[in-house]
C-alpha atoms as a PDB file:
ATOM      1  CA  MET A   1      70.211 122.877  88.018  1.00  0.00           C
ATOM      2  CA  ALA A   2      67.009 124.917  88.233  1.00  0.00           C
ATOM      3  CA  THR A   3      63.921 124.174  86.141  1.00  0.00           C
ATOM      4  CA  ASN A   4      61.694 126.804  84.486  1.00  0.00           C
ATOM      5  CA  ASN A   5      59.554 127.189  87.613  1.00  0.00           C
ATOM      6  CA  GLY A   6      62.618 127.730  89.846  1.00  0.00           C
ATOM      7  CA  ASN A   7      62.582 124.288  91.505  1.00  0.00           C
ATOM      8  CA  MET A   8      65.686 122.135  91.516  1.00  0.00           C
ATOM      9  CA  ALA A   9      65.686 119.114  89.244  1.00  0.00           C
ATOM     10  CA  PRO A  10      65.944 115.802  91.132  1.00  0.00           C
ATOM     11  CA  PRO A  11      69.462 114.336  91.401  1.00  0.00           C
ATOM     12  CA  ARG A  12      70.423 112.133  88.495  1.00  0.00           C
ATOM     13  CA  PHE A  13      72.867 109.989  90.459  1.00  0.00           C
ATOM     14  CA  GLU A  14      72.611 108.075  93.711  1.00  0.00           C
ATOM     15  CA  SER A  15      74.559 109.302  96.749  1.00  0.00           C
ATOM     16  CA  MET A  16      76.409 107.425  99.478  1.00  0.00           C
ATOM     17  CA  LEU A  17      78.461 108.108 102.589  1.00  0.00           C
ATOM     18  CA  ILE A  18      82.092 108.949 101.911  1.00  0.00           C
ATOM     19  CA  THR A  19      83.130 106.344 104.474  1.00  0.00           C
ATOM     20  CA  GLU A  20      81.555 103.678 102.236  1.00  0.00           C
ATOM     21  CA  VAL A  21      83.405 104.755  99.078  1.00  0.00           C
ATOM     22  CA  PRO A  22      85.953 102.098  98.065  1.00  0.00           C
ATOM     23  CA  THR A  23      89.502 103.379  98.073  1.00  0.00           C
ATOM     24  CA  GLY A  24      92.591 102.056  96.416  1.00  0.00           C
ATOM     25  CA  ARG A  25      93.096 100.890  92.893  1.00  0.00           C
ATOM     26  CA  ASN A  26      91.910  97.370  92.202  1.00  0.00           C
ATOM     27  CA  GLY A  27      92.258  97.446  88.467  1.00  0.00           C
ATOM     28  CA  LYS A  28      91.851  94.638  85.998  1.00  0.00           C
ATOM     29  CA  HIS A  29      95.561  93.747  86.262  1.00  0.00           C
ATOM     30  CA  ARG A  30      95.540  93.337  90.036  1.00  0.00           C
ATOM     31  CA  GLU A  31      95.513  89.524  90.039  1.00  0.00           C
ATOM     32  CA  ILE A  32      98.405  89.059  87.593  1.00  0.00           C
ATOM     33  CA  VAL A  33     100.473  91.815  89.229  1.00  0.00           C
ATOM     34  CA  LEU A  34     100.016  90.278  92.692  1.00  0.00           C
ATOM     35  CA  GLN A  35     101.069  86.901  91.298  1.00  0.00           C
ATOM     36  CA  LEU A  36     104.158  88.419  89.663  1.00  0.00           C
ATOM     37  CA  LEU A  37     105.102  90.208  92.897  1.00  0.00           C
ATOM     38  CA  SER A  38     104.698  86.964  94.841  1.00  0.00           C
ATOM     39  CA  ASP A  39     106.841  85.078  92.335  1.00  0.00           C
ATOM     40  CA  LEU A  40     109.477  87.838  92.434  1.00  0.00           C
ATOM     41  CA  GLU A  41     109.705  87.537  96.232  1.00  0.00           C
ATOM     42  CA  GLN A  42     110.551  83.841  95.839  1.00  0.00           C
ATOM     43  CA  LEU A  43     112.928  84.346  92.908  1.00  0.00           C
ATOM     44  CA  GLU A  44     116.547  83.394  93.496  1.00  0.00           C
ATOM     45  CA  ALA A  45     119.207  86.003  92.736  1.00  0.00           C
ATOM     46  CA  GLY A  46     120.445  85.776  89.169  1.00  0.00           C
ATOM     47  CA  ASN A  47     117.147  84.373  87.848  1.00  0.00           C
ATOM     48  CA  ALA A  48     114.291  85.941  85.906  1.00  0.00           C
ATOM     49  CA  LEU A  49     110.622  85.093  85.655  1.00  0.00           C
ATOM     50  CA  LYS A  50     109.750  83.841  82.164  1.00  0.00           C
ATOM     51  CA  ILE A  51     106.084  84.631  81.534  1.00  0.00           C
ATOM     52  CA  PRO A  52     104.425  83.394  78.319  1.00  0.00           C
ATOM     53  CA  LEU A  53     102.705  86.327  76.608  1.00  0.00           C
ATOM     54  CA  SER A  54      99.864  83.970  75.722  1.00  0.00           C
ATOM     55  CA  GLU A  55      99.052  83.625  79.441  1.00  0.00           C
ATOM     56  CA  LEU A  56      98.796  87.359  80.104  1.00  0.00           C
ATOM     57  CA  PRO A  57      95.292  88.815  80.432  1.00  0.00           C
ATOM     58  CA  ASP A  58      96.293  91.923  78.443  1.00  0.00           C
ATOM     59  CA  THR A  59      99.145  93.217  76.306  1.00  0.00           C
ATOM     60  CA  LYS A  60     102.675  92.993  77.632  1.00  0.00           C
ATOM     61  CA  GLU A  61     102.842  96.804  77.579  1.00  0.00           C
ATOM     62  CA  ASN A  62      99.804  97.146  79.842  1.00  0.00           C
ATOM     63  CA  ILE A  63     101.003  94.427  82.220  1.00  0.00           C
ATOM     64  CA  ARG A  64     104.468  95.984  82.331  1.00  0.00           C
ATOM     65  CA  SER A  65     102.924  99.377  83.155  1.00  0.00           C
ATOM     66  CA  ALA A  66     100.741  97.914  85.905  1.00  0.00           C
ATOM     67  CA  LEU A  67     103.729  96.054  87.360  1.00  0.00           C
ATOM     68  CA  ASN A  68     105.807  99.235  87.213  1.00  0.00           C
ATOM     69  CA  ARG A  69     103.139 101.180  89.156  1.00  0.00           C
ATOM     70  CA  ALA A  70     102.932  98.446  91.797  1.00  0.00           C
ATOM     71  CA  THR A  71     106.693  98.103  92.251  1.00  0.00           C
ATOM     72  CA  ARG A  72     107.178 101.879  92.530  1.00  0.00           C
ATOM     73  CA  GLU A  73     104.491 101.986  95.248  1.00  0.00           C
ATOM     74  CA  ARG A  74     106.321  99.242  97.146  1.00  0.00           C
ATOM     75  CA  ASN A  75     109.802 100.636  96.418  1.00  0.00           C
ATOM     76  CA  ILE A  76     110.887  97.390  94.698  1.00  0.00           C
ATOM     77  CA  ALA A  77     113.416  97.606  91.875  1.00  0.00           C
ATOM     78  CA  VAL A  78     112.609  95.350  88.917  1.00  0.00           C
ATOM     79  CA  SER A  79     113.789  95.083  85.344  1.00  0.00           C
ATOM     80  CA  THR A  80     111.846  93.735  82.391  1.00  0.00           C
ATOM     81  CA  SER A  81     112.523  92.560  78.890  1.00  0.00           C
ATOM     82  CA  SER A  82     110.504  90.738  76.281  1.00  0.00           C
ATOM     83  CA  ASP A  83     110.650  88.945  72.983  1.00  0.00           C
ATOM     84  CA  SER A  84     107.923  87.692  70.681  1.00  0.00           C
ATOM     85  CA  GLU A  85     106.864  84.932  73.097  1.00  0.00           C
ATOM     86  CA  TYR A  86     107.799  85.906  76.664  1.00  0.00           C
ATOM     87  CA  LEU A  87     107.919  88.729  79.180  1.00  0.00           C
ATOM     88  CA  TYR A  88     110.949  88.471  81.473  1.00  0.00           C
ATOM     89  CA  VAL A  89     110.966  90.090  84.909  1.00  0.00           C
ATOM     90  CA  TRP A  90     113.769  90.106  87.464  1.00  0.00           C
ATOM     91  CA  LYS A  91     115.292  92.014  90.365  1.00  0.00           C
ATOM     92  CA  PRO A  92     118.453  93.789  89.219  1.00  0.00           C
END
C-alpha cells in the first residue's frame, strides 16, 4: 500500500520463515478426540463407549464432527448415537 508521498507503508503484521509455521490441525477438540480414539482401539468387539455429555468440553455435535474428521483421516470406521445424557461411539 503506497502513501501519499509514494513510499510504502510499514508492514502491519510480523513475518516469519515458512519452515517455522506450525502445520497440522491442533484444534480445541484434539485432547478429547485423541482420548476417544485411544479408547476405541482398546474397545472389545460388540461394545460401545458410553461418554457422559456432561464430561464433554463442547457440544456433542461439535465433538462428533471432530471425531468424524479424525477417523476419516485415519480410515477408521466408527458409528455414533446419543441420547439426552450420553454419546455412544463404537466400531461397526
